[in-house]
Structures are given as C-alpha cells and as structure tokens.
Amino acid sequence: TWEHGGADALSVLDDGWHPPAADVEEARQLLTDDVVRVRRSGDHLSLPGGVQVRLSRGGRWYPCQRRDGDWQVTGPGDPDPLFAYETRT
C-alpha cells in the first residue's frame, strides 16, 4: 500500500469517511455501464470480483482488492476513478 501512494494510500484503508455524495455518485456513474453494477458506500465503490476504488481525503481514487481476507491497495491513486480501476494490479 505504501508504495502505491504513501500515507494517502494508507488512509483509504484505515480512515473511512463520508465525502460529498455527489463526488462519489459522479464516480459511480463513470464506472457503471450496461453490464457492471457498482455499489456505493461511504468513500468507496464496490465492483464485481472483489474490487473497490476508494476515495482518499486528498482527492485520489485508489484501487483495492481483497487478498487473504484483508483489503489492500493494489495500484496508484488517480483523480479519475476509471483510470484507477483500470490500473489495478
């Protein structure tokens, strides 16, 4: 997690928060298409396959995935949630 964004990336795992709903809803719309269902909850969006993108207080979206029972940041943060989702490793 640290290598993908330092303290900002760690914060998306440790510090749940409630950003403005409009910011998260706009990101949800960017990630939603006719096939994929995206669920919104607080500061993160859940996609099929155990993948999330989480918004940091710094305004960057980080891709996260459940591995060995824990959520981990799996790629660099980006202001564009779709780019963050597509660059997960």
N, C-alpha and C. Protein backbone atom coordinates (compact mmCIF):
# COMPACT_ATOMS: atom_id res chain seq x y z
N THR A 1 0.82 -1.19 0.00
CA THR A 1 0.00 0.00 0.00
C THR A 1 0.87 1.26 0.00
N TRP A 2 1.89 1.25 0.84
CA TRP A 2 2.76 2.43 0.94
C TRP A 2 3.38 2.77 -0.40
N GLU A 3 3.81 1.77 -1.16
CA GLU A 3 4.47 2.03 -2.44
C GLU A 3 3.53 2.62 -3.48
N HIS A 4 2.23 2.46 -3.29
CA HIS A 4 1.26 2.98 -4.26
C HIS A 4 0.82 4.41 -3.95
N GLY A 5 1.15 4.93 -2.77
CA GLY A 5 0.72 6.29 -2.51
C GLY A 5 1.02 6.80 -1.12
N GLY A 6 1.87 6.12 -0.38
CA GLY A 6 2.27 6.60 0.93
C GLY A 6 1.11 6.73 1.92
N ALA A 7 1.16 7.78 2.70
CA ALA A 7 0.16 8.00 3.75
C ALA A 7 -1.24 8.16 3.16
N ASP A 8 -1.35 8.77 1.98
CA ASP A 8 -2.66 8.96 1.35
C ASP A 8 -3.29 7.60 1.04
N ALA A 9 -2.49 6.67 0.51
CA ALA A 9 -3.00 5.33 0.20
C ALA A 9 -3.37 4.58 1.47
N LEU A 10 -2.56 4.70 2.50
CA LEU A 10 -2.89 4.04 3.77
C LEU A 10 -4.19 4.56 4.36
N SER A 11 -4.45 5.84 4.17
CA SER A 11 -5.65 6.43 4.76
C SER A 11 -6.93 5.82 4.20
N VAL A 12 -6.91 5.34 2.95
CA VAL A 12 -8.15 4.78 2.39
C VAL A 12 -8.49 3.44 3.03
N LEU A 13 -7.50 2.79 3.63
CA LEU A 13 -7.76 1.54 4.32
C LEU A 13 -8.13 1.75 5.77
N ASP A 14 -7.55 2.78 6.38
CA ASP A 14 -7.70 2.99 7.82
C ASP A 14 -8.72 4.04 8.23
N ASP A 15 -8.98 5.01 7.39
CA ASP A 15 -9.81 6.15 7.78
C ASP A 15 -11.04 6.27 6.89
N GLY A 16 -12.07 5.49 7.19
CA GLY A 16 -13.30 5.64 6.43
C GLY A 16 -13.89 7.03 6.68
N TRP A 17 -14.43 7.63 5.65
CA TRP A 17 -15.02 8.97 5.80
C TRP A 17 -16.18 9.08 4.84
N HIS A 18 -16.89 10.17 4.92
CA HIS A 18 -18.06 10.39 4.09
C HIS A 18 -17.85 11.64 3.23
N PRO A 19 -17.27 11.44 2.05
CA PRO A 19 -17.08 12.58 1.15
C PRO A 19 -18.42 13.05 0.62
N PRO A 20 -18.48 14.20 -0.01
CA PRO A 20 -19.74 14.66 -0.59
C PRO A 20 -20.33 13.57 -1.50
N ALA A 21 -21.59 13.27 -1.29
CA ALA A 21 -22.26 12.20 -2.04
C ALA A 21 -22.18 12.44 -3.54
N ALA A 22 -22.23 13.68 -3.96
CA ALA A 22 -22.18 13.98 -5.39
C ALA A 22 -20.85 13.55 -6.01
N ASP A 23 -19.75 13.67 -5.27
CA ASP A 23 -18.44 13.26 -5.78
C ASP A 23 -18.39 11.75 -6.02
N VAL A 24 -18.92 11.01 -5.06
CA VAL A 24 -18.91 9.54 -5.18
C VAL A 24 -19.91 9.09 -6.23
N GLU A 25 -21.05 9.75 -6.31
CA GLU A 25 -22.05 9.37 -7.31
C GLU A 25 -21.54 9.64 -8.73
N GLU A 26 -20.84 10.72 -8.92
CA GLU A 26 -20.27 11.02 -10.24
C GLU A 26 -19.28 9.92 -10.64
N ALA A 27 -18.46 9.49 -9.70
CA ALA A 27 -17.51 8.41 -9.98
C ALA A 27 -18.24 7.11 -10.26
N ARG A 28 -19.31 6.84 -9.53
CA ARG A 28 -20.08 5.62 -9.76
C ARG A 28 -20.63 5.60 -11.18
N GLN A 29 -21.12 6.74 -11.64
CA GLN A 29 -21.65 6.82 -13.00
C GLN A 29 -20.55 6.56 -14.04
N LEU A 30 -19.34 7.02 -13.78
CA LEU A 30 -18.23 6.79 -14.71
C LEU A 30 -17.89 5.30 -14.81
N LEU A 31 -18.06 4.58 -13.72
CA LEU A 31 -17.69 3.17 -13.68
C LEU A 31 -18.82 2.23 -14.09
N THR A 32 -20.01 2.75 -14.17
CA THR A 32 -21.17 1.91 -14.47
C THR A 32 -21.41 1.86 -15.97
N ASP A 33 -21.65 0.67 -16.47
CA ASP A 33 -22.09 0.53 -17.85
C ASP A 33 -23.30 -0.40 -17.84
N ASP A 34 -23.69 -0.88 -18.97
CA ASP A 34 -24.89 -1.70 -19.06
C ASP A 34 -24.73 -3.07 -18.40
N VAL A 35 -23.50 -3.48 -18.16
CA VAL A 35 -23.27 -4.82 -17.64
C VAL A 35 -22.86 -4.79 -16.17
N VAL A 36 -21.99 -3.88 -15.80
CA VAL A 36 -21.40 -3.86 -14.47
C VAL A 36 -22.26 -3.07 -13.50
N ARG A 37 -22.52 -3.67 -12.37
CA ARG A 37 -23.24 -2.99 -11.29
C ARG A 37 -22.21 -2.49 -10.27
N VAL A 38 -22.28 -1.23 -9.94
CA VAL A 38 -21.36 -0.62 -8.99
C VAL A 38 -22.17 -0.17 -7.78
N ARG A 39 -21.74 -0.62 -6.59
CA ARG A 39 -22.41 -0.22 -5.35
C ARG A 39 -21.59 0.85 -4.64
N ARG A 40 -22.29 1.84 -4.13
CA ARG A 40 -21.66 2.96 -3.43
C ARG A 40 -21.85 2.79 -1.93
N SER A 41 -20.80 3.05 -1.17
CA SER A 41 -20.90 3.02 0.29
C SER A 41 -19.83 3.95 0.86
N GLY A 42 -20.24 5.06 1.44
CA GLY A 42 -19.29 6.00 2.04
C GLY A 42 -18.27 6.50 1.05
N ASP A 43 -17.00 6.16 1.29
CA ASP A 43 -15.91 6.66 0.47
C ASP A 43 -15.43 5.66 -0.58
N HIS A 44 -16.20 4.61 -0.80
CA HIS A 44 -15.74 3.64 -1.79
C HIS A 44 -16.87 3.11 -2.67
N LEU A 45 -16.43 2.57 -3.80
CA LEU A 45 -17.32 1.96 -4.77
C LEU A 45 -16.90 0.51 -4.93
N SER A 46 -17.86 -0.41 -4.85
CA SER A 46 -17.58 -1.84 -4.98
C SER A 46 -18.01 -2.33 -6.35
N LEU A 47 -17.12 -3.07 -6.97
CA LEU A 47 -17.36 -3.62 -8.30
C LEU A 47 -17.30 -5.14 -8.21
N PRO A 48 -17.81 -5.83 -9.22
CA PRO A 48 -17.75 -7.30 -9.21
C PRO A 48 -16.30 -7.79 -9.11
N GLY A 49 -16.15 -8.97 -8.55
CA GLY A 49 -14.82 -9.57 -8.46
C GLY A 49 -14.03 -9.17 -7.24
N GLY A 50 -14.68 -8.61 -6.23
CA GLY A 50 -13.97 -8.23 -5.02
C GLY A 50 -13.03 -7.06 -5.21
N VAL A 51 -13.42 -6.12 -6.06
CA VAL A 51 -12.60 -4.93 -6.34
C VAL A 51 -13.34 -3.70 -5.85
N GLN A 52 -12.60 -2.77 -5.29
CA GLN A 52 -13.16 -1.48 -4.89
C GLN A 52 -12.24 -0.38 -5.40
N VAL A 53 -12.79 0.80 -5.57
CA VAL A 53 -12.00 2.02 -5.69
C VAL A 53 -12.43 2.89 -4.52
N ARG A 54 -11.44 3.43 -3.82
CA ARG A 54 -11.70 4.21 -2.61
C ARG A 54 -11.13 5.61 -2.76
N LEU A 55 -11.92 6.59 -2.35
CA LEU A 55 -11.54 7.99 -2.45
C LEU A 55 -10.82 8.44 -1.18
N SER A 56 -9.60 8.96 -1.36
CA SER A 56 -8.86 9.48 -0.22
C SER A 56 -9.30 10.91 0.07
N ARG A 57 -8.96 11.38 1.23
CA ARG A 57 -9.25 12.78 1.57
C ARG A 57 -8.45 13.73 0.68
N GLY A 58 -7.39 13.21 0.07
CA GLY A 58 -6.58 14.00 -0.84
C GLY A 58 -7.16 14.08 -2.25
N GLY A 59 -8.32 13.43 -2.48
CA GLY A 59 -8.99 13.52 -3.76
C GLY A 59 -8.54 12.53 -4.81
N ARG A 60 -7.82 11.50 -4.37
CA ARG A 60 -7.36 10.48 -5.31
C ARG A 60 -8.12 9.18 -5.05
N TRP A 61 -8.45 8.50 -6.15
CA TRP A 61 -9.11 7.19 -6.09
C TRP A 61 -8.04 6.10 -6.13
N TYR A 62 -8.14 5.14 -5.22
CA TYR A 62 -7.19 4.04 -5.16
C TYR A 62 -7.91 2.71 -5.42
N PRO A 63 -7.33 1.86 -6.29
CA PRO A 63 -7.92 0.55 -6.48
C PRO A 63 -7.55 -0.35 -5.30
N CYS A 64 -8.51 -1.11 -4.84
CA CYS A 64 -8.30 -2.01 -3.71
C CYS A 64 -8.88 -3.38 -4.05
N GLN A 65 -8.27 -4.40 -3.48
CA GLN A 65 -8.76 -5.74 -3.71
C GLN A 65 -8.59 -6.54 -2.42
N ARG A 66 -9.53 -7.45 -2.20
CA ARG A 66 -9.45 -8.30 -1.02
C ARG A 66 -8.46 -9.42 -1.32
N ARG A 67 -7.44 -9.51 -0.48
CA ARG A 67 -6.43 -10.55 -0.60
C ARG A 67 -6.15 -11.13 0.78
N ASP A 68 -6.23 -12.43 0.87
CA ASP A 68 -6.00 -13.12 2.15
C ASP A 68 -6.88 -12.55 3.26
N GLY A 69 -8.11 -12.17 2.92
CA GLY A 69 -9.06 -11.69 3.90
C GLY A 69 -8.97 -10.23 4.26
N ASP A 70 -7.99 -9.51 3.72
CA ASP A 70 -7.82 -8.09 4.03
C ASP A 70 -7.86 -7.28 2.74
N TRP A 71 -8.33 -6.03 2.87
CA TRP A 71 -8.31 -5.12 1.73
C TRP A 71 -6.91 -4.55 1.59
N GLN A 72 -6.43 -4.50 0.34
CA GLN A 72 -5.12 -3.94 0.05
C GLN A 72 -5.23 -2.98 -1.13
N VAL A 73 -4.45 -1.91 -1.07
CA VAL A 73 -4.35 -1.01 -2.21
C VAL A 73 -3.47 -1.72 -3.24
N THR A 74 -3.97 -1.79 -4.48
CA THR A 74 -3.28 -2.59 -5.50
C THR A 74 -2.77 -1.77 -6.68
N GLY A 75 -2.83 -0.48 -6.59
CA GLY A 75 -2.33 0.35 -7.67
C GLY A 75 -2.24 1.79 -7.24
N PRO A 76 -1.70 2.63 -8.08
CA PRO A 76 -1.54 4.05 -7.74
C PRO A 76 -2.89 4.77 -7.71
N GLY A 77 -2.95 5.82 -6.91
CA GLY A 77 -4.14 6.66 -6.87
C GLY A 77 -4.19 7.60 -8.04
N ASP A 78 -5.40 8.01 -8.39
CA ASP A 78 -5.58 8.93 -9.51
C ASP A 78 -6.86 9.73 -9.28
N PRO A 79 -6.92 10.97 -9.75
CA PRO A 79 -8.16 11.73 -9.63
C PRO A 79 -9.31 11.12 -10.43
N ASP A 80 -9.00 10.30 -11.42
CA ASP A 80 -10.01 9.66 -12.26
C ASP A 80 -10.27 8.24 -11.76
N PRO A 81 -11.46 7.97 -11.23
CA PRO A 81 -11.74 6.64 -10.68
C PRO A 81 -11.66 5.52 -11.73
N LEU A 82 -12.02 5.82 -12.96
CA LEU A 82 -11.95 4.81 -14.00
C LEU A 82 -10.49 4.44 -14.30
N PHE A 83 -9.62 5.44 -14.35
CA PHE A 83 -8.20 5.17 -14.56
C PHE A 83 -7.64 4.34 -13.40
N ALA A 84 -8.00 4.70 -12.18
CA ALA A 84 -7.52 3.95 -11.00
C ALA A 84 -7.99 2.49 -11.08
N TYR A 85 -9.24 2.29 -11.45
CA TYR A 85 -9.77 0.93 -11.56
C TYR A 85 -9.02 0.14 -12.65
N GLU A 86 -8.75 0.77 -13.76
CA GLU A 86 -8.12 0.09 -14.88
C GLU A 86 -6.64 -0.20 -14.64
N THR A 87 -5.99 0.50 -13.70
CA THR A 87 -4.57 0.30 -13.47
C THR A 87 -4.28 -0.58 -12.26
N ARG A 88 -5.30 -1.20 -11.72
CA ARG A 88 -5.05 -2.09 -10.57
C ARG A 88 -4.19 -3.27 -11.04
N THR A 89 -3.40 -3.81 -10.11
CA THR A 89 -2.51 -4.92 -10.47
C THR A 89 -3.00 -6.22 -9.88
